[in-house]
């Protein structure tokens, strides 16, 4: 299966474009954003768990990164409410489940072998720091060669300078509306911009975004 599999091309998926597909586990549905492979794949996905649903035990052969968007996601290591960011490196395993239901944004099989950081962050409690422009604040989540991950908060009316993306950029809009000269991106929008792409971003009403850079060379 190949979905948005040409990483040299820009890709955008807005909430009105979502098409949920059943997974092999009852009560678990997936919105596939990009994918290269079959059931075991290099994949970026929004996964929706119904209350009292679970997914079979599995090992992360290529690593797993996820952000809990709604509800509470659980496994043997604990309960992770909305706003929790988790990295499970290559070789880790778990059997995920949820009592009340949840939605997560997850990236699979995208870890470098030497990226062994295993941690979680409660982004609702962690401090944001001043960003590289007026009106921006940043919560760094992870940094490794060829990859930087952060949450970035844009105050209403914030404008940022025109710039290019060395190694590309991937964004999931968590709150508000993110914008650039190519369009408006409301909460729930996923966009991927390739290596050396350019834009002039802004947010008229303010927004919060998950952003990963440098990983699309």
N, C-alpha and C. Protein backbone atom coordinates (compact mmCIF):
# COMPACT_ATOMS: atom_id res chain seq x y z
N UNK A 1 0.84 -1.19 0.00
CA UNK A 1 0.00 0.00 0.00
C UNK A 1 0.88 1.25 0.00
N UNK A 2 0.53 2.20 -0.82
CA UNK A 2 1.28 3.45 -0.89
C UNK A 2 0.30 4.62 -0.84
N UNK A 3 0.40 5.43 0.22
CA UNK A 3 -0.44 6.61 0.41
C UNK A 3 0.47 7.79 0.67
N UNK A 4 0.36 8.84 -0.14
CA UNK A 4 1.27 10.00 -0.03
C UNK A 4 2.71 9.52 0.15
N UNK A 5 3.10 8.58 -0.69
CA UNK A 5 4.38 7.89 -0.54
C UNK A 5 5.53 8.57 -1.27
N UNK A 6 5.26 9.63 -2.02
CA UNK A 6 6.33 10.39 -2.67
C UNK A 6 6.68 11.56 -1.76
N UNK A 7 7.78 11.41 -1.01
CA UNK A 7 8.12 12.40 -0.01
C UNK A 7 8.79 13.64 -0.59
N UNK A 8 8.90 13.70 -1.91
CA UNK A 8 9.38 14.91 -2.58
C UNK A 8 8.21 15.83 -2.92
N UNK A 9 6.98 15.41 -2.63
CA UNK A 9 5.79 16.19 -2.96
C UNK A 9 5.08 16.66 -1.70
N UNK A 10 4.47 17.83 -1.80
CA UNK A 10 3.69 18.38 -0.70
C UNK A 10 2.40 17.57 -0.54
N UNK A 11 1.98 17.36 0.70
CA UNK A 11 0.75 16.63 0.97
C UNK A 11 -0.04 17.36 2.05
N UNK A 12 -1.36 17.44 1.88
CA UNK A 12 -2.23 18.10 2.85
C UNK A 12 -3.47 17.23 3.04
N UNK A 13 -3.87 17.04 4.30
CA UNK A 13 -5.10 16.32 4.61
C UNK A 13 -5.86 17.11 5.67
N UNK A 14 -7.03 17.64 5.29
CA UNK A 14 -7.87 18.39 6.21
C UNK A 14 -8.93 17.48 6.81
N UNK A 15 -9.56 17.88 7.92
CA UNK A 15 -10.57 17.01 8.54
C UNK A 15 -11.68 16.58 7.59
N UNK A 16 -12.08 17.45 6.67
CA UNK A 16 -13.14 17.06 5.73
C UNK A 16 -12.68 16.01 4.73
N UNK A 17 -11.36 15.77 4.67
CA UNK A 17 -10.81 14.76 3.76
C UNK A 17 -10.66 13.39 4.44
N UNK A 18 -10.91 13.32 5.74
CA UNK A 18 -10.68 12.08 6.47
C UNK A 18 -11.56 10.95 5.91
N UNK A 19 -10.97 9.78 5.83
CA UNK A 19 -11.69 8.57 5.45
C UNK A 19 -11.23 7.46 6.39
N UNK A 20 -12.05 7.15 7.39
CA UNK A 20 -11.65 6.19 8.41
C UNK A 20 -11.78 4.76 7.88
N UNK A 21 -10.75 3.95 8.17
CA UNK A 21 -10.73 2.56 7.74
C UNK A 21 -10.60 1.66 8.97
N UNK A 22 -11.31 0.56 8.96
CA UNK A 22 -11.22 -0.39 10.07
C UNK A 22 -9.83 -1.01 10.12
N UNK A 23 -9.33 -1.23 11.32
CA UNK A 23 -8.07 -1.94 11.52
C UNK A 23 -8.37 -3.41 11.76
N UNK A 24 -7.34 -4.25 11.92
CA UNK A 24 -7.60 -5.66 12.25
C UNK A 24 -8.21 -5.87 13.63
N UNK A 25 -8.19 -4.85 14.50
CA UNK A 25 -8.74 -4.97 15.84
C UNK A 25 -10.11 -4.29 15.93
N UNK A 26 -11.08 -4.96 16.51
CA UNK A 26 -12.44 -4.42 16.62
C UNK A 26 -12.43 -3.13 17.41
N UNK A 27 -13.14 -2.13 16.91
CA UNK A 27 -13.26 -0.85 17.60
C UNK A 27 -12.11 0.11 17.35
N UNK A 28 -11.16 -0.27 16.51
CA UNK A 28 -10.01 0.58 16.21
C UNK A 28 -10.04 0.95 14.74
N UNK A 29 -10.13 2.26 14.46
CA UNK A 29 -10.18 2.76 13.09
C UNK A 29 -8.97 3.65 12.82
N UNK A 30 -8.59 3.74 11.54
CA UNK A 30 -7.40 4.50 11.19
C UNK A 30 -7.68 5.46 10.04
N UNK A 31 -7.13 6.64 10.15
CA UNK A 31 -7.07 7.60 9.05
C UNK A 31 -5.61 7.63 8.61
N UNK A 32 -5.33 7.04 7.45
CA UNK A 32 -3.96 6.90 6.97
C UNK A 32 -3.52 8.18 6.26
N UNK A 33 -2.47 8.80 6.76
CA UNK A 33 -1.97 10.06 6.21
C UNK A 33 -0.85 9.81 5.21
N UNK A 34 0.14 9.01 5.60
CA UNK A 34 1.09 8.48 4.61
C UNK A 34 1.43 7.06 5.01
N UNK A 35 1.77 6.27 4.02
CA UNK A 35 2.00 4.83 4.29
C UNK A 35 2.80 4.21 3.16
N UNK A 36 3.78 3.43 3.53
CA UNK A 36 4.56 2.63 2.58
C UNK A 36 4.66 1.23 3.17
N UNK A 37 3.86 0.31 2.68
CA UNK A 37 3.83 -1.05 3.20
C UNK A 37 2.42 -1.51 3.48
N UNK A 38 2.30 -2.74 3.95
CA UNK A 38 0.99 -3.33 4.22
C UNK A 38 0.61 -3.11 5.68
N UNK A 39 0.28 -4.18 6.42
CA UNK A 39 -0.10 -3.99 7.81
C UNK A 39 1.09 -3.54 8.65
N UNK A 40 2.26 -4.08 8.35
CA UNK A 40 3.50 -3.57 8.94
C UNK A 40 4.08 -2.59 7.93
N UNK A 41 4.15 -1.30 8.30
CA UNK A 41 4.49 -0.28 7.31
C UNK A 41 5.18 0.89 7.95
N UNK A 42 5.89 1.64 7.11
CA UNK A 42 6.32 2.99 7.49
C UNK A 42 5.08 3.84 7.34
N UNK A 43 4.57 4.38 8.44
CA UNK A 43 3.24 4.98 8.38
C UNK A 43 3.09 6.15 9.33
N UNK A 44 2.27 7.11 8.89
CA UNK A 44 1.80 8.22 9.72
C UNK A 44 0.28 8.15 9.70
N UNK A 45 -0.34 8.07 10.89
CA UNK A 45 -1.75 7.72 10.97
C UNK A 45 -2.41 8.41 12.15
N UNK A 46 -3.68 8.78 12.00
CA UNK A 46 -4.53 9.12 13.14
C UNK A 46 -5.36 7.89 13.45
N UNK A 47 -5.27 7.42 14.70
CA UNK A 47 -5.94 6.18 15.10
C UNK A 47 -7.00 6.51 16.14
N UNK A 48 -8.21 5.98 15.94
CA UNK A 48 -9.34 6.24 16.82
C UNK A 48 -9.76 4.93 17.49
N UNK A 49 -9.69 4.91 18.82
CA UNK A 49 -10.07 3.74 19.61
C UNK A 49 -11.44 3.97 20.25
N UNK A 50 -12.38 3.06 20.04
CA UNK A 50 -13.66 3.12 20.74
C UNK A 50 -13.46 2.76 22.21
N UNK A 51 -14.38 3.17 23.09
CA UNK A 51 -14.27 2.76 24.49
C UNK A 51 -14.14 1.25 24.65
N UNK A 52 -13.27 0.84 25.58
CA UNK A 52 -13.03 -0.57 25.89
C UNK A 52 -12.45 -1.36 24.72
N UNK A 53 -11.76 -0.69 23.81
CA UNK A 53 -11.11 -1.39 22.71
C UNK A 53 -9.63 -1.55 22.99
N UNK A 54 -8.98 -2.43 22.22
CA UNK A 54 -7.56 -2.70 22.40
C UNK A 54 -6.95 -3.11 21.08
N UNK A 55 -5.63 -3.14 21.05
CA UNK A 55 -4.91 -3.58 19.87
C UNK A 55 -3.98 -4.70 20.30
N UNK A 56 -3.74 -5.64 19.43
CA UNK A 56 -2.92 -6.80 19.79
C UNK A 56 -1.51 -6.39 20.21
N UNK A 57 -0.89 -7.20 21.05
CA UNK A 57 0.48 -6.96 21.47
C UNK A 57 1.40 -6.98 20.24
N UNK A 58 2.35 -6.04 20.23
CA UNK A 58 3.26 -5.95 19.09
C UNK A 58 4.58 -5.33 19.51
N UNK A 59 5.60 -5.59 18.71
CA UNK A 59 6.94 -5.03 18.92
C UNK A 59 7.18 -3.94 17.89
N UNK A 60 7.85 -2.87 18.31
CA UNK A 60 8.12 -1.74 17.43
C UNK A 60 9.46 -1.96 16.71
N UNK A 61 9.40 -2.68 15.61
CA UNK A 61 10.63 -2.98 14.86
C UNK A 61 11.29 -1.73 14.31
N UNK A 62 10.49 -0.70 14.03
CA UNK A 62 11.06 0.54 13.51
C UNK A 62 10.80 1.73 14.41
N UNK A 63 10.36 1.47 15.65
CA UNK A 63 10.06 2.55 16.58
C UNK A 63 8.65 3.09 16.44
N UNK A 64 8.18 3.78 17.48
CA UNK A 64 6.84 4.36 17.50
C UNK A 64 6.89 5.70 18.22
N UNK A 65 6.28 6.68 17.61
CA UNK A 65 6.13 8.02 18.20
C UNK A 65 4.65 8.36 18.15
N UNK A 66 4.08 8.82 19.28
CA UNK A 66 2.67 9.20 19.20
C UNK A 66 2.35 10.35 20.15
N UNK A 67 1.28 11.05 19.79
CA UNK A 67 0.73 12.14 20.58
C UNK A 67 -0.73 11.85 20.81
N UNK A 68 -1.16 11.81 22.06
CA UNK A 68 -2.56 11.55 22.38
C UNK A 68 -3.37 12.82 22.14
N UNK A 69 -4.35 12.74 21.25
CA UNK A 69 -5.14 13.90 20.86
C UNK A 69 -6.41 14.04 21.70
N UNK A 70 -7.05 12.92 22.03
CA UNK A 70 -8.29 12.94 22.81
C UNK A 70 -8.33 11.69 23.69
N UNK A 71 -9.01 11.79 24.83
CA UNK A 71 -9.22 10.63 25.68
C UNK A 71 -7.97 10.19 26.42
N UNK A 72 -7.92 8.92 26.79
CA UNK A 72 -6.80 8.34 27.53
C UNK A 72 -6.37 7.04 26.86
N UNK A 73 -5.13 7.00 26.43
CA UNK A 73 -4.51 5.83 25.80
C UNK A 73 -3.71 5.10 26.88
N UNK A 74 -3.78 3.79 26.93
CA UNK A 74 -3.13 3.04 28.00
C UNK A 74 -2.37 1.84 27.45
N UNK A 75 -1.36 1.43 28.20
CA UNK A 75 -0.69 0.15 27.97
C UNK A 75 -0.12 -0.33 29.29
N UNK A 76 0.73 -1.36 29.25
CA UNK A 76 1.26 -1.93 30.49
C UNK A 76 2.06 -0.92 31.31
N UNK A 77 2.57 0.11 30.66
CA UNK A 77 3.42 1.06 31.37
C UNK A 77 2.65 2.21 32.02
N UNK A 78 1.36 2.37 31.69
CA UNK A 78 0.61 3.44 32.32
C UNK A 78 -0.53 3.97 31.48
N UNK A 79 -1.13 5.05 31.96
CA UNK A 79 -2.23 5.73 31.28
C UNK A 79 -1.72 7.08 30.77
N UNK A 80 -2.06 7.40 29.54
CA UNK A 80 -1.55 8.60 28.89
C UNK A 80 -2.72 9.45 28.39
N UNK A 81 -3.07 10.51 29.11
CA UNK A 81 -4.20 11.34 28.71
C UNK A 81 -3.86 12.27 27.55
N UNK A 82 -4.88 12.92 27.03
CA UNK A 82 -4.70 13.87 25.92
C UNK A 82 -3.58 14.85 26.24
N UNK A 83 -2.72 15.08 25.25
CA UNK A 83 -1.58 15.96 25.43
C UNK A 83 -0.29 15.24 25.75
N UNK A 84 -0.33 13.92 25.93
CA UNK A 84 0.89 13.16 26.22
C UNK A 84 1.61 12.80 24.93
N UNK A 85 2.91 13.07 24.91
CA UNK A 85 3.77 12.72 23.78
C UNK A 85 4.66 11.56 24.22
N UNK A 86 4.75 10.51 23.39
CA UNK A 86 5.46 9.28 23.77
C UNK A 86 6.39 8.85 22.64
N UNK A 87 7.61 8.41 23.03
CA UNK A 87 8.53 7.78 22.08
C UNK A 87 8.89 6.39 22.59
N UNK A 88 8.61 5.38 21.77
CA UNK A 88 8.95 3.98 22.04
C UNK A 88 9.95 3.54 20.97
N UNK A 89 11.23 3.43 21.30
CA UNK A 89 12.23 3.15 20.28
C UNK A 89 12.19 1.71 19.75
N UNK A 90 13.03 1.45 18.79
CA UNK A 90 13.11 0.14 18.15
C UNK A 90 13.33 -0.94 19.21
N UNK A 91 12.53 -2.01 19.12
CA UNK A 91 12.67 -3.14 20.02
C UNK A 91 11.72 -3.13 21.20
N UNK A 92 11.07 -2.00 21.48
CA UNK A 92 10.09 -1.96 22.57
C UNK A 92 8.80 -2.64 22.11
N UNK A 93 7.97 -3.01 23.07
CA UNK A 93 6.71 -3.68 22.74
C UNK A 93 5.65 -3.29 23.76
N UNK A 94 4.40 -3.43 23.37
CA UNK A 94 3.29 -3.18 24.30
C UNK A 94 2.00 -3.73 23.73
N UNK A 95 0.96 -3.73 24.58
CA UNK A 95 -0.40 -4.11 24.18
C UNK A 95 -1.31 -2.95 24.55
N UNK A 96 -1.58 -2.04 23.61
CA UNK A 96 -2.36 -0.84 23.92
C UNK A 96 -3.85 -1.13 24.10
N UNK A 97 -4.48 -0.30 24.94
CA UNK A 97 -5.91 -0.41 25.15
C UNK A 97 -6.43 0.93 25.68
N UNK A 98 -7.74 1.05 25.77
CA UNK A 98 -8.34 2.26 26.33
C UNK A 98 -9.65 1.91 26.99
N UNK A 99 -9.93 2.56 28.10
CA UNK A 99 -11.21 2.34 28.78
C UNK A 99 -12.27 3.31 28.24
N UNK A 100 -11.95 4.58 28.17
CA UNK A 100 -12.95 5.59 27.80
C UNK A 100 -12.95 5.92 26.31
N UNK A 101 -11.96 5.40 25.58
CA UNK A 101 -11.80 5.75 24.17
C UNK A 101 -10.74 6.82 24.02
N UNK A 102 -10.12 6.89 22.85
CA UNK A 102 -9.08 7.88 22.61
C UNK A 102 -8.79 8.01 21.13
N UNK A 103 -8.07 9.06 20.80
CA UNK A 103 -7.57 9.27 19.44
C UNK A 103 -6.10 9.66 19.57
N UNK A 104 -5.24 9.04 18.75
CA UNK A 104 -3.82 9.35 18.79
C UNK A 104 -3.30 9.64 17.37
N UNK A 105 -2.27 10.45 17.31
CA UNK A 105 -1.50 10.68 16.09
C UNK A 105 -0.22 9.87 16.25
N UNK A 106 0.04 8.95 15.33
CA UNK A 106 1.15 8.00 15.53
C UNK A 106 2.00 7.87 14.27
N UNK A 107 3.31 7.78 14.49
CA UNK A 107 4.26 7.58 13.40
C UNK A 107 5.04 6.30 13.70
N UNK A 108 5.06 5.37 12.75
CA UNK A 108 5.67 4.06 12.92
C UNK A 108 6.81 3.84 11.92
N UNK A 109 7.82 3.07 12.37
CA UNK A 109 8.94 2.65 11.51
C UNK A 109 9.68 3.85 10.93
N UNK A 110 9.94 4.85 11.77
CA UNK A 110 10.63 6.05 11.30
C UNK A 110 11.78 6.45 12.22
N UNK A 111 12.26 5.52 13.07
CA UNK A 111 13.36 5.79 13.98
C UNK A 111 14.68 5.36 13.37
N UNK A 112 15.73 6.15 13.60
CA UNK A 112 17.08 5.70 13.31
C UNK A 112 17.49 4.67 14.37
N UNK A 113 18.37 3.75 14.00
CA UNK A 113 18.75 2.68 14.92
C UNK A 113 19.40 3.21 16.19
N UNK A 114 20.10 4.34 16.08
CA UNK A 114 20.78 4.88 17.26
C UNK A 114 19.93 5.87 18.04
N UNK A 115 18.68 6.03 17.66
CA UNK A 115 17.76 6.92 18.39
C UNK A 115 17.01 6.07 19.40
N UNK A 116 17.58 5.95 20.60
CA UNK A 116 17.07 5.01 21.60
C UNK A 116 16.35 5.69 22.76
N UNK A 117 16.07 6.98 22.64
CA UNK A 117 15.38 7.69 23.72
C UNK A 117 13.99 7.10 23.94
N UNK A 118 13.68 6.77 25.19
CA UNK A 118 12.41 6.14 25.54
C UNK A 118 11.78 6.97 26.66
N UNK A 119 10.75 7.75 26.34
CA UNK A 119 10.22 8.68 27.34
C UNK A 119 8.82 9.13 26.95
N UNK A 120 8.18 9.83 27.88
CA UNK A 120 6.92 10.50 27.56
C UNK A 120 6.92 11.88 28.21
N UNK A 121 6.14 12.80 27.64
CA UNK A 121 6.05 14.18 28.11
C UNK A 121 4.58 14.56 28.23
N UNK A 122 4.20 15.11 29.37
CA UNK A 122 2.87 15.69 29.53
C UNK A 122 2.95 17.12 29.01
N UNK A 123 2.54 17.33 27.77
CA UNK A 123 2.69 18.65 27.16
C UNK A 123 1.73 19.67 27.76
N UNK A 124 0.72 19.21 28.52
CA UNK A 124 -0.20 20.16 29.14
C UNK A 124 0.41 20.81 30.38
N UNK A 125 1.49 20.20 30.91
CA UNK A 125 2.13 20.73 32.11
C UNK A 125 3.54 21.24 31.85
N UNK A 126 4.18 20.81 30.76
CA UNK A 126 5.56 21.21 30.48
C UNK A 126 5.62 22.67 30.04
N UNK A 127 6.69 23.38 30.38
CA UNK A 127 6.77 24.81 30.05
C UNK A 127 7.14 25.06 28.59
N UNK A 128 6.51 26.05 28.00
CA UNK A 128 6.89 26.56 26.68
C UNK A 128 7.94 27.65 26.88
N UNK A 129 8.80 27.83 25.88
CA UNK A 129 9.85 28.84 25.92
C UNK A 129 9.68 29.81 24.75
N UNK A 130 10.20 31.03 24.86
CA UNK A 130 10.09 31.96 23.74
C UNK A 130 10.66 31.37 22.46
N UNK A 131 9.94 31.56 21.35
CA UNK A 131 10.37 31.03 20.06
C UNK A 131 11.28 31.99 19.33
N UNK A 132 11.51 31.70 18.05
CA UNK A 132 12.45 32.48 17.24
C UNK A 132 11.81 33.69 16.59
N UNK A 133 10.59 34.01 16.96
CA UNK A 133 9.92 35.18 16.43
C UNK A 133 8.90 35.68 17.43
N UNK A 134 8.54 36.94 17.33
CA UNK A 134 7.55 37.52 18.23
C UNK A 134 6.21 36.80 18.07
N UNK A 135 5.59 36.45 19.19
CA UNK A 135 4.31 35.77 19.16
C UNK A 135 4.41 34.26 19.14
N UNK A 136 5.64 33.72 19.12
CA UNK A 136 5.84 32.27 19.08
C UNK A 136 6.40 31.77 20.40
N UNK A 137 5.90 30.63 20.86
CA UNK A 137 6.50 29.92 22.00
C UNK A 137 6.61 28.45 21.64
N UNK A 138 7.65 27.81 22.18
CA UNK A 138 8.02 26.47 21.73
C UNK A 138 8.19 25.53 22.92
N UNK A 139 7.68 24.30 22.77
CA UNK A 139 7.93 23.22 23.71
C UNK A 139 8.72 22.14 22.97
N UNK A 140 10.05 22.11 23.10
CA UNK A 140 10.84 21.06 22.44
C UNK A 140 10.47 19.69 23.00
N UNK A 141 10.31 18.71 22.10
CA UNK A 141 9.94 17.37 22.51
C UNK A 141 11.05 16.36 22.28
N UNK A 142 11.77 16.50 21.16
CA UNK A 142 12.83 15.54 20.86
C UNK A 142 13.76 16.12 19.81
N UNK A 143 15.04 15.81 19.94
CA UNK A 143 16.02 16.23 18.95
C UNK A 143 17.02 15.10 18.75
N UNK A 144 17.27 14.76 17.50
CA UNK A 144 18.24 13.74 17.13
C UNK A 144 18.77 14.11 15.75
N UNK A 145 19.90 13.54 15.32
CA UNK A 145 20.40 13.86 13.97
C UNK A 145 19.32 13.62 12.92
N UNK A 146 19.01 14.65 12.15
CA UNK A 146 18.01 14.53 11.10
C UNK A 146 16.57 14.62 11.57
N UNK A 147 16.34 15.07 12.80
CA UNK A 147 14.97 15.14 13.30
C UNK A 147 14.86 16.07 14.49
N UNK A 148 13.90 16.99 14.43
CA UNK A 148 13.55 17.82 15.57
C UNK A 148 12.03 17.85 15.69
N UNK A 149 11.54 17.67 16.91
CA UNK A 149 10.10 17.61 17.16
C UNK A 149 9.75 18.62 18.25
N UNK A 150 8.67 19.36 18.05
CA UNK A 150 8.26 20.36 19.05
C UNK A 150 6.79 20.66 18.90
N UNK A 151 6.21 21.24 19.95
CA UNK A 151 4.93 21.93 19.83
C UNK A 151 5.23 23.41 19.75
N UNK A 152 4.53 24.11 18.88
CA UNK A 152 4.73 25.55 18.70
C UNK A 152 3.38 26.26 18.84
N UNK A 153 3.33 27.23 19.74
CA UNK A 153 2.11 28.02 19.94
C UNK A 153 2.27 29.37 19.26
N UNK A 154 1.27 29.72 18.44
CA UNK A 154 1.24 30.99 17.72
C UNK A 154 0.17 31.87 18.34
N UNK A 155 0.55 33.04 18.81
CA UNK A 155 -0.42 34.00 19.31
C UNK A 155 -1.21 34.59 18.14
N UNK A 156 -2.44 35.05 18.37
CA UNK A 156 -3.22 35.66 17.28
C UNK A 156 -2.44 36.79 16.60
N UNK A 157 -2.48 36.79 15.28
CA UNK A 157 -1.82 37.82 14.50
C UNK A 157 -0.34 37.60 14.25
N UNK A 158 0.20 36.46 14.64
CA UNK A 158 1.63 36.20 14.47
C UNK A 158 1.97 35.94 13.01
N UNK A 159 3.06 36.56 12.58
CA UNK A 159 3.62 36.33 11.24
C UNK A 159 5.06 35.87 11.40
N UNK A 160 5.50 34.96 10.53
CA UNK A 160 6.89 34.52 10.55
C UNK A 160 7.50 34.79 9.19
N UNK A 161 8.83 34.92 9.18
CA UNK A 161 9.53 35.25 7.95
C UNK A 161 9.46 34.12 6.92
N UNK A 162 9.62 34.50 5.67
CA UNK A 162 9.69 33.52 4.58
C UNK A 162 10.94 32.67 4.79
N UNK A 163 10.80 31.33 4.67
CA UNK A 163 11.94 30.45 4.90
C UNK A 163 11.76 29.15 4.13
N UNK A 164 12.86 28.43 3.99
CA UNK A 164 12.83 27.11 3.36
C UNK A 164 13.08 26.04 4.41
N UNK A 165 12.68 24.82 4.10
CA UNK A 165 12.76 23.71 5.04
C UNK A 165 13.86 22.74 4.62
N UNK A 166 15.02 22.85 5.26
CA UNK A 166 16.07 21.86 5.01
C UNK A 166 15.65 20.54 5.66
N UNK A 167 15.48 19.52 4.85
CA UNK A 167 15.01 18.24 5.38
C UNK A 167 13.52 18.13 5.52
N UNK A 168 12.79 19.16 5.06
CA UNK A 168 11.34 19.10 5.06
C UNK A 168 10.71 19.45 6.40
N UNK A 169 9.38 19.53 6.40
CA UNK A 169 8.61 19.88 7.59
C UNK A 169 7.28 19.15 7.56
N UNK A 170 6.87 18.68 8.72
CA UNK A 170 5.57 18.02 8.88
C UNK A 170 4.83 18.67 10.04
N UNK A 171 3.55 18.98 9.84
CA UNK A 171 2.77 19.70 10.84
C UNK A 171 1.43 18.99 11.04
N UNK A 172 1.00 18.92 12.29
CA UNK A 172 -0.38 18.57 12.61
C UNK A 172 -0.94 19.74 13.42
N UNK A 173 -2.01 20.34 12.94
CA UNK A 173 -2.61 21.49 13.64
C UNK A 173 -3.49 20.94 14.76
N UNK A 174 -3.16 21.32 15.99
CA UNK A 174 -3.85 20.81 17.17
C UNK A 174 -4.97 21.73 17.63
N UNK A 175 -4.77 23.03 17.50
CA UNK A 175 -5.78 24.03 17.90
C UNK A 175 -5.71 25.20 16.94
N UNK A 176 -6.83 25.89 16.75
CA UNK A 176 -6.84 27.11 15.95
C UNK A 176 -6.67 26.87 14.47
N UNK A 177 -6.12 27.87 13.78
CA UNK A 177 -5.93 27.81 12.33
C UNK A 177 -4.52 28.29 12.00
N UNK A 178 -3.75 27.43 11.35
CA UNK A 178 -2.43 27.75 10.83
C UNK A 178 -2.59 28.15 9.37
N UNK A 179 -1.76 29.09 8.89
CA UNK A 179 -1.94 29.61 7.54
C UNK A 179 -0.60 29.87 6.87
N UNK A 180 -0.61 29.85 5.54
CA UNK A 180 0.49 30.38 4.75
C UNK A 180 -0.08 30.80 3.41
N UNK A 181 0.80 31.14 2.47
CA UNK A 181 0.32 31.63 1.19
C UNK A 181 -0.40 30.57 0.36
N UNK A 182 -0.30 29.30 0.79
CA UNK A 182 -0.95 28.21 0.06
C UNK A 182 -2.35 27.92 0.56
N UNK A 183 -2.72 28.42 1.77
CA UNK A 183 -4.06 28.14 2.26
C UNK A 183 -4.18 28.26 3.77
N UNK A 184 -5.37 27.91 4.27
CA UNK A 184 -5.68 27.90 5.69
C UNK A 184 -5.81 26.45 6.14
N UNK A 185 -5.32 26.16 7.36
CA UNK A 185 -5.28 24.79 7.84
C UNK A 185 -5.88 24.73 9.25
N UNK A 186 -7.15 24.36 9.37
CA UNK A 186 -7.81 24.33 10.67
C UNK A 186 -7.33 23.14 11.51
N UNK A 187 -7.72 23.15 12.79
CA UNK A 187 -7.36 22.06 13.70
C UNK A 187 -7.72 20.72 13.07
N UNK A 188 -6.81 19.77 13.17
CA UNK A 188 -6.99 18.45 12.57
C UNK A 188 -6.32 18.30 11.23
N UNK A 189 -5.80 19.40 10.67
CA UNK A 189 -5.13 19.33 9.37
C UNK A 189 -3.70 18.82 9.53
N UNK A 190 -3.33 17.90 8.66
CA UNK A 190 -1.95 17.40 8.57
C UNK A 190 -1.36 17.89 7.25
N UNK A 191 -0.14 18.43 7.32
CA UNK A 191 0.53 18.84 6.08
C UNK A 191 2.00 18.47 6.14
N UNK A 192 2.51 18.06 5.00
CA UNK A 192 3.90 17.64 4.87
C UNK A 192 4.52 18.39 3.70
N UNK A 193 5.62 19.10 3.98
CA UNK A 193 6.30 19.91 2.97
C UNK A 193 7.69 19.35 2.74
N UNK A 194 8.09 19.10 1.49
CA UNK A 194 9.35 18.38 1.23
C UNK A 194 10.60 19.22 1.46
N UNK A 195 11.72 18.56 1.36
CA UNK A 195 13.03 19.18 1.47
C UNK A 195 13.13 20.39 0.54
N UNK A 196 13.57 21.51 1.10
CA UNK A 196 13.79 22.78 0.40
C UNK A 196 12.51 23.47 -0.05
N UNK A 197 11.35 23.01 0.42
CA UNK A 197 10.11 23.76 0.16
C UNK A 197 10.16 25.07 0.92
N UNK A 198 9.34 26.05 0.48
CA UNK A 198 9.37 27.38 1.08
C UNK A 198 7.95 27.85 1.38
N UNK A 199 7.82 28.68 2.41
CA UNK A 199 6.54 29.34 2.65
C UNK A 199 6.74 30.49 3.64
N UNK A 200 5.66 31.28 3.81
CA UNK A 200 5.64 32.39 4.77
C UNK A 200 4.45 32.15 5.69
N UNK A 201 4.65 31.47 6.83
CA UNK A 201 3.52 31.09 7.68
C UNK A 201 3.01 32.23 8.55
N UNK A 202 1.75 32.08 8.98
CA UNK A 202 1.12 33.06 9.86
C UNK A 202 -0.06 32.38 10.55
N UNK A 203 -0.64 33.07 11.52
CA UNK A 203 -1.89 32.62 12.13
C UNK A 203 -2.67 33.84 12.58
N UNK A 204 -3.77 34.12 11.90
CA UNK A 204 -4.58 35.28 12.25
C UNK A 204 -5.27 35.11 13.60
N UNK A 205 -5.80 33.92 13.88
CA UNK A 205 -6.55 33.71 15.13
C UNK A 205 -5.73 33.02 16.21
N UNK A 206 -4.51 32.58 15.86
CA UNK A 206 -3.68 31.83 16.79
C UNK A 206 -3.86 30.34 16.60
N UNK A 207 -2.85 29.57 16.99
CA UNK A 207 -2.93 28.12 16.83
C UNK A 207 -1.86 27.43 17.67
N UNK A 208 -2.01 26.14 17.79
CA UNK A 208 -1.01 25.26 18.39
C UNK A 208 -0.75 24.15 17.40
N UNK A 209 0.54 23.91 17.06
CA UNK A 209 0.88 22.89 16.09
C UNK A 209 1.95 21.94 16.63
N UNK A 210 1.84 20.68 16.22
CA UNK A 210 2.95 19.72 16.33
C UNK A 210 3.77 19.90 15.07
N UNK A 211 5.08 20.00 15.21
CA UNK A 211 5.93 20.19 14.03
C UNK A 211 7.18 19.33 14.13
N UNK A 212 7.49 18.63 13.04
CA UNK A 212 8.72 17.83 12.93
C UNK A 212 9.47 18.32 11.71
N UNK A 213 10.76 18.54 11.85
CA UNK A 213 11.57 19.03 10.74
C UNK A 213 12.82 18.18 10.56
N UNK A 214 13.36 18.22 9.34
CA UNK A 214 14.65 17.61 9.04
C UNK A 214 14.61 16.14 8.67
N UNK A 215 13.45 15.51 8.64
CA UNK A 215 13.35 14.06 8.49
C UNK A 215 12.95 13.60 7.10
N UNK A 216 12.87 14.53 6.15
CA UNK A 216 12.35 14.19 4.82
C UNK A 216 13.39 14.34 3.71
N UNK A 217 14.66 14.23 4.05
CA UNK A 217 15.70 14.29 3.02
C UNK A 217 15.59 13.12 2.07
